[in-house]
């Protein structure tokens, strides 16, 4: 009887892990698409399009 309960718990853990990994793959794919869209929209340079915001991280020194 205990063996069946342990087997059932093992199946639940494996199923849960597989479901979580599948979900994480979808989340990673969506975040990658959002990152690429933002990268393409902003551009690589960043010069000339600052709109008065200054640097992206922290204050500018100098």
PDB file of N, CA and C in Angstrom:
ATOM      1  N   UNK A   1       0.823  -1.203   0.000  1.00  0.00           N
ATOM      2  CA  UNK A   1       0.000   0.000   0.000  1.00  0.00           C
ATOM      3  C   UNK A   1       0.858   1.255   0.000  1.00  0.00           C
ATOM      4  N   UNK A   2       1.896   1.279   0.821  1.00  0.00           N
ATOM      5  CA  UNK A   2       2.793   2.439   0.869  1.00  0.00           C
ATOM      6  C   UNK A   2       3.524   2.579  -0.461  1.00  0.00           C
ATOM      7  N   UNK A   3       3.848   1.452  -1.070  1.00  0.00           N
ATOM      8  CA  UNK A   3       4.513   1.494  -2.368  1.00  0.00           C
ATOM      9  C   UNK A   3       3.632   2.174  -3.421  1.00  0.00           C
ATOM     10  N   UNK A   4       2.331   1.899  -3.405  1.00  0.00           N
ATOM     11  CA  UNK A   4       1.406   2.530  -4.349  1.00  0.00           C
ATOM     12  C   UNK A   4       1.318   4.036  -4.103  1.00  0.00           C
ATOM     13  N   UNK A   5       1.298   4.435  -2.832  1.00  0.00           N
ATOM     14  CA  UNK A   5       1.231   5.867  -2.499  1.00  0.00           C
ATOM     15  C   UNK A   5       2.498   6.572  -2.957  1.00  0.00           C
ATOM     16  N   UNK A   6       3.662   5.953  -2.734  1.00  0.00           N
ATOM     17  CA  UNK A   6       4.923   6.549  -3.190  1.00  0.00           C
ATOM     18  C   UNK A   6       4.973   6.641  -4.715  1.00  0.00           C
ATOM     19  N   UNK A   7       4.476   5.606  -5.388  1.00  0.00           N
ATOM     20  CA  UNK A   7       4.431   5.631  -6.849  1.00  0.00           C
ATOM     21  C   UNK A   7       3.505   6.735  -7.344  1.00  0.00           C
ATOM     22  N   UNK A   8       2.357   6.887  -6.692  1.00  0.00           N
ATOM     23  CA  UNK A   8       1.411   7.938  -7.061  1.00  0.00           C
ATOM     24  C   UNK A   8       2.022   9.323  -6.847  1.00  0.00           C
ATOM     25  N   UNK A   9       2.720   9.502  -5.719  1.00  0.00           N
ATOM     26  CA  UNK A   9       3.381  10.782  -5.450  1.00  0.00           C
ATOM     27  C   UNK A   9       4.489  11.060  -6.467  1.00  0.00           C
ATOM     28  N   UNK A  10       5.222  10.031  -6.840  1.00  0.00           N
ATOM     29  CA  UNK A  10       6.271  10.197  -7.853  1.00  0.00           C
ATOM     30  C   UNK A  10       5.673  10.602  -9.196  1.00  0.00           C
ATOM     31  N   UNK A  11       4.571   9.983  -9.563  1.00  0.00           N
ATOM     32  CA  UNK A  11       3.899  10.343 -10.814  1.00  0.00           C
ATOM     33  C   UNK A  11       3.417  11.795 -10.765  1.00  0.00           C
ATOM     34  N   UNK A  12       2.861  12.202  -9.630  1.00  0.00           N
ATOM     35  CA  UNK A  12       2.411  13.587  -9.499  1.00  0.00           C
ATOM     36  C   UNK A  12       3.568  14.575  -9.611  1.00  0.00           C
ATOM     37  N   UNK A  13       4.694  14.257  -8.993  1.00  0.00           N
ATOM     38  CA  UNK A  13       5.863  15.147  -9.057  1.00  0.00           C
ATOM     39  C   UNK A  13       6.383  15.247 -10.479  1.00  0.00           C
ATOM     40  N   UNK A  14       6.497  14.108 -11.155  1.00  0.00           N
ATOM     41  CA  UNK A  14       6.999  14.115 -12.533  1.00  0.00           C
ATOM     42  C   UNK A  14       6.038  14.868 -13.452  1.00  0.00           C
ATOM     43  N   UNK A  15       4.743  14.646 -13.292  1.00  0.00           N
ATOM     44  CA  UNK A  15       3.758  15.352 -14.103  1.00  0.00           C
ATOM     45  C   UNK A  15       3.811  16.855 -13.827  1.00  0.00           C
ATOM     46  N   UNK A  16       3.902  17.225 -12.563  1.00  0.00           N
ATOM     47  CA  UNK A  16       3.983  18.641 -12.202  1.00  0.00           C
ATOM     48  C   UNK A  16       5.227  19.297 -12.754  1.00  0.00           C
ATOM     49  N   UNK A  17       6.348  18.594 -12.696  1.00  0.00           N
ATOM     50  CA  UNK A  17       7.594  19.131 -13.233  1.00  0.00           C
ATOM     51  C   UNK A  17       7.498  19.319 -14.741  1.00  0.00           C
ATOM     52  N   UNK A  18       6.926  18.352 -15.424  1.00  0.00           N
ATOM     53  CA  UNK A  18       6.775  18.468 -16.879  1.00  0.00           C
ATOM     54  C   UNK A  18       5.847  19.604 -17.265  1.00  0.00           C
ATOM     55  N   UNK A  19       4.751  19.763 -16.530  1.00  0.00           N
ATOM     56  CA  UNK A  19       3.816  20.860 -16.806  1.00  0.00           C
ATOM     57  C   UNK A  19       4.481  22.204 -16.556  1.00  0.00           C
ATOM     58  N   UNK A  20       5.244  22.293 -15.458  1.00  0.00           N
ATOM     59  CA  UNK A  20       5.934  23.544 -15.137  1.00  0.00           C
ATOM     60  C   UNK A  20       6.965  23.881 -16.199  1.00  0.00           C
ATOM     61  N   UNK A  21       7.714  22.895 -16.640  1.00  0.00           N
ATOM     62  CA  UNK A  21       8.734  23.153 -17.661  1.00  0.00           C
ATOM     63  C   UNK A  21       8.096  23.603 -18.970  1.00  0.00           C
ATOM     64  N   UNK A  22       6.978  23.011 -19.332  1.00  0.00           N
ATOM     65  CA  UNK A  22       6.287  23.418 -20.558  1.00  0.00           C
ATOM     66  C   UNK A  22       5.813  24.863 -20.438  1.00  0.00           C
ATOM     67  N   UNK A  23       5.271  25.205 -19.276  1.00  0.00           N
ATOM     68  CA  UNK A  23       4.796  26.571 -19.054  1.00  0.00           C
ATOM     69  C   UNK A  23       5.961  27.554 -19.088  1.00  0.00           C
ATOM     70  N   UNK A  24       7.077  27.180 -18.475  1.00  0.00           N
ATOM     71  CA  UNK A  24       8.237  28.071 -18.479  1.00  0.00           C
ATOM     72  C   UNK A  24       8.789  28.287 -19.886  1.00  0.00           C
ATOM     73  N   UNK A  25       8.709  27.275 -20.734  1.00  0.00           N
ATOM     74  CA  UNK A  25       9.146  27.446 -22.123  1.00  0.00           C
ATOM     75  C   UNK A  25       8.265  28.470 -22.840  1.00  0.00           C
ATOM     76  N   UNK A  26       6.947  28.401 -22.600  1.00  0.00           N
ATOM     77  CA  UNK A  26       6.048  29.366 -23.233  1.00  0.00           C
ATOM     78  C   UNK A  26       6.300  30.778 -22.713  1.00  0.00           C
ATOM     79  N   UNK A  27       6.519  30.914 -21.425  1.00  0.00           N
ATOM     80  CA  UNK A  27       6.815  32.229 -20.840  1.00  0.00           C
ATOM     81  C   UNK A  27       8.120  32.777 -21.417  1.00  0.00           C
ATOM     82  N   UNK A  28       9.137  31.919 -21.529  1.00  0.00           N
ATOM     83  CA  UNK A  28      10.417  32.353 -22.096  1.00  0.00           C
ATOM     84  C   UNK A  28      10.256  32.788 -23.551  1.00  0.00           C
ATOM     85  N   UNK A  29       9.438  32.071 -24.315  1.00  0.00           N
ATOM     86  CA  UNK A  29       9.228  32.439 -25.716  1.00  0.00           C
ATOM     87  C   UNK A  29       8.521  33.784 -25.823  1.00  0.00           C
ATOM     88  N   UNK A  30       7.529  34.025 -24.982  1.00  0.00           N
ATOM     89  CA  UNK A  30       6.810  35.301 -25.014  1.00  0.00           C
ATOM     90  C   UNK A  30       7.743  36.443 -24.618  1.00  0.00           C
ATOM     91  N   UNK A  31       8.554  36.242 -23.572  1.00  0.00           N
ATOM     92  CA  UNK A  31       9.486  37.282 -23.153  1.00  0.00           C
ATOM     93  C   UNK A  31      10.532  37.564 -24.223  1.00  0.00           C
ATOM     94  N   UNK A  32      10.965  36.532 -24.928  1.00  0.00           N
ATOM     95  CA  UNK A  32      11.922  36.735 -26.021  1.00  0.00           C
ATOM     96  C   UNK A  32      11.302  37.582 -27.130  1.00  0.00           C
ATOM     97  N   UNK A  33      10.058  37.313 -27.470  1.00  0.00           N
ATOM     98  CA  UNK A  33       9.386  38.091 -28.506  1.00  0.00           C
ATOM     99  C   UNK A  33       9.216  39.542 -28.068  1.00  0.00           C
ATOM    100  N   UNK A  34       8.847  39.756 -26.809  1.00  0.00           N
ATOM    101  CA  UNK A  34       8.703  41.122 -26.298  1.00  0.00           C
ATOM    102  C   UNK A  34      10.049  41.837 -26.311  1.00  0.00           C
ATOM    103  N   UNK A  35      11.121  41.142 -25.929  1.00  0.00           N
ATOM    104  CA  UNK A  35      12.452  41.752 -25.911  1.00  0.00           C
ATOM    105  C   UNK A  35      12.890  42.125 -27.329  1.00  0.00           C
ATOM    106  N   UNK A  36      12.675  41.226 -28.281  1.00  0.00           N
ATOM    107  CA  UNK A  36      13.060  41.513 -29.668  1.00  0.00           C
ATOM    108  C   UNK A  36      12.247  42.689 -30.209  1.00  0.00           C
ATOM    109  N   UNK A  37      10.957  42.733 -29.888  1.00  0.00           N
ATOM    110  CA  UNK A  37      10.126  43.841 -30.341  1.00  0.00           C
ATOM    111  C   UNK A  37      10.620  45.166 -29.756  1.00  0.00           C
ATOM    112  N   UNK A  38      10.926  45.171 -28.470  1.00  0.00           N
ATOM    113  CA  UNK A  38      11.445  46.388 -27.841  1.00  0.00           C
ATOM    114  C   UNK A  38      12.800  46.774 -28.386  1.00  0.00           C
ATOM    115  N   UNK A  39      13.650  45.799 -28.659  1.00  0.00           N
ATOM    116  CA  UNK A  39      14.964  46.061 -29.224  1.00  0.00           C
ATOM    117  C   UNK A  39      14.842  46.667 -30.613  1.00  0.00           C
ATOM    118  N   UNK A  40      13.941  46.130 -31.425  1.00  0.00           N
ATOM    119  CA  UNK A  40      13.764  46.641 -32.783  1.00  0.00           C
ATOM    120  C   UNK A  40      13.120  48.026 -32.762  1.00  0.00           C
ATOM    121  N   UNK A  41      12.245  48.263 -31.816  1.00  0.00           N
ATOM    122  CA  UNK A  41      11.559  49.549 -31.742  1.00  0.00           C
ATOM    123  C   UNK A  41      12.483  50.658 -31.267  1.00  0.00           C
ATOM    124  N   UNK A  42      13.315  50.355 -30.292  1.00  0.00           N
ATOM    125  CA  UNK A  42      14.211  51.365 -29.742  1.00  0.00           C
ATOM    126  C   UNK A  42      15.442  51.550 -30.614  1.00  0.00           C
ATOM    127  N   UNK A  43      15.919  50.503 -31.201  1.00  0.00           N
ATOM    128  CA  UNK A  43      17.123  50.594 -32.013  1.00  0.00           C
ATOM    129  C   UNK A  43      18.354  50.308 -31.177  1.00  0.00           C
ATOM    130  N   UNK A  44      19.442  50.013 -31.858  1.00  0.00           N
ATOM    131  CA  UNK A  44      20.665  49.668 -31.141  1.00  0.00           C
ATOM    132  C   UNK A  44      21.398  50.891 -30.644  1.00  0.00           C
ATOM    133  N   UNK A  45      21.358  51.981 -31.401  1.00  0.00           N
ATOM    134  CA  UNK A  45      22.169  53.142 -31.066  1.00  0.00           C
ATOM    135  C   UNK A  45      21.746  53.854 -29.809  1.00  0.00           C
ATOM    136  N   UNK A  46      20.552  54.339 -29.780  1.00  0.00           N
ATOM    137  CA  UNK A  46      20.083  55.092 -28.633  1.00  0.00           C
ATOM    138  C   UNK A  46      20.470  56.556 -28.701  1.00  0.00           C
ATOM    139  N   UNK A  47      21.376  56.919 -29.579  1.00  0.00           N
ATOM    140  CA  UNK A  47      21.787  58.307 -29.709  1.00  0.00           C
ATOM    141  C   UNK A  47      20.811  59.092 -30.563  1.00  0.00           C
ATOM    142  N   UNK A  48      20.455  60.308 -30.109  1.00  0.00           N
ATOM    143  CA  UNK A  48      19.565  61.154 -30.888  1.00  0.00           C
ATOM    144  C   UNK A  48      18.097  60.921 -30.611  1.00  0.00           C
ATOM    145  N   UNK A  49      17.766  59.926 -29.873  1.00  0.00           N
ATOM    146  CA  UNK A  49      16.363  59.645 -29.574  1.00  0.00           C
ATOM    147  C   UNK A  49      16.120  59.569 -28.069  1.00  0.00           C
ATOM    148  N   UNK A  50      16.845  60.361 -27.295  1.00  0.00           N
ATOM    149  CA  UNK A  50      16.770  60.214 -25.849  1.00  0.00           C
ATOM    150  C   UNK A  50      15.509  60.832 -25.262  1.00  0.00           C
ATOM    151  N   UNK A  51      14.917  61.809 -25.919  1.00  0.00           N
ATOM    152  CA  UNK A  51      13.695  62.468 -25.470  1.00  0.00           C
ATOM    153  C   UNK A  51      13.842  63.069 -24.073  1.00  0.00           C
ATOM    154  N   UNK A  52      15.042  63.479 -23.719  1.00  0.00           N
ATOM    155  CA  UNK A  52      15.247  64.156 -22.456  1.00  0.00           C
ATOM    156  C   UNK A  52      15.264  63.264 -21.239  1.00  0.00           C
ATOM    157  N   UNK A  53      15.389  61.985 -21.426  1.00  0.00           N
ATOM    158  CA  UNK A  53      15.378  61.086 -20.281  1.00  0.00           C
ATOM    159  C   UNK A  53      16.758  60.864 -19.703  1.00  0.00           C
ATOM    160  N   UNK A  54      17.797  61.271 -20.382  1.00  0.00           N
ATOM    161  CA  UNK A  54      19.146  61.011 -19.903  1.00  0.00           C
ATOM    162  C   UNK A  54      19.538  59.571 -20.133  1.00  0.00           C
ATOM    163  N   UNK A  55      20.414  59.082 -19.289  1.00  0.00           N
ATOM    164  CA  UNK A  55      20.842  57.694 -19.428  1.00  0.00           C
ATOM    165  C   UNK A  55      19.756  56.751 -18.966  1.00  0.00           C
ATOM    166  N   UNK A  56      19.867  55.545 -19.408  1.00  0.00           N
ATOM    167  CA  UNK A  56      18.838  54.573 -19.062  1.00  0.00           C
ATOM    168  C   UNK A  56      18.967  54.104 -17.616  1.00  0.00           C
ATOM    169  N   UNK A  57      20.219  53.896 -17.170  1.00  0.00           N
ATOM    170  CA  UNK A  57      20.434  53.407 -15.820  1.00  0.00           C
ATOM    171  C   UNK A  57      21.221  54.458 -15.037  1.00  0.00           C
ATOM    172  N   UNK A  58      20.656  54.946 -13.990  1.00  0.00           N
ATOM    173  CA  UNK A  58      21.361  55.886 -13.128  1.00  0.00           C
ATOM    174  C   UNK A  58      21.488  57.266 -13.746  1.00  0.00           C
ATOM    175  N   UNK A  59      22.161  58.134 -13.008  1.00  0.00           N
ATOM    176  CA  UNK A  59      22.381  59.490 -13.494  1.00  0.00           C
ATOM    177  C   UNK A  59      23.674  59.581 -14.299  1.00  0.00           C
ATOM    178  N   UNK A  60      23.702  60.508 -15.224  1.00  0.00           N
ATOM    179  CA  UNK A  60      24.912  60.695 -16.006  1.00  0.00           C
ATOM    180  C   UNK A  60      25.932  61.465 -15.184  1.00  0.00           C
ATOM    181  N   UNK A  61      27.147  61.025 -15.250  1.00  0.00           N
ATOM    182  CA  UNK A  61      28.217  61.700 -14.518  1.00  0.00           C
ATOM    183  C   UNK A  61      29.025  62.544 -15.491  1.00  0.00           C
ATOM    184  N   UNK A  62      29.324  63.750 -15.069  1.00  0.00           N
ATOM    185  CA  UNK A  62      30.171  64.570 -15.919  1.00  0.00           C
ATOM    186  C   UNK A  62      29.487  65.763 -16.326  1.00  0.00           C
TER     187      UNK A  62
END
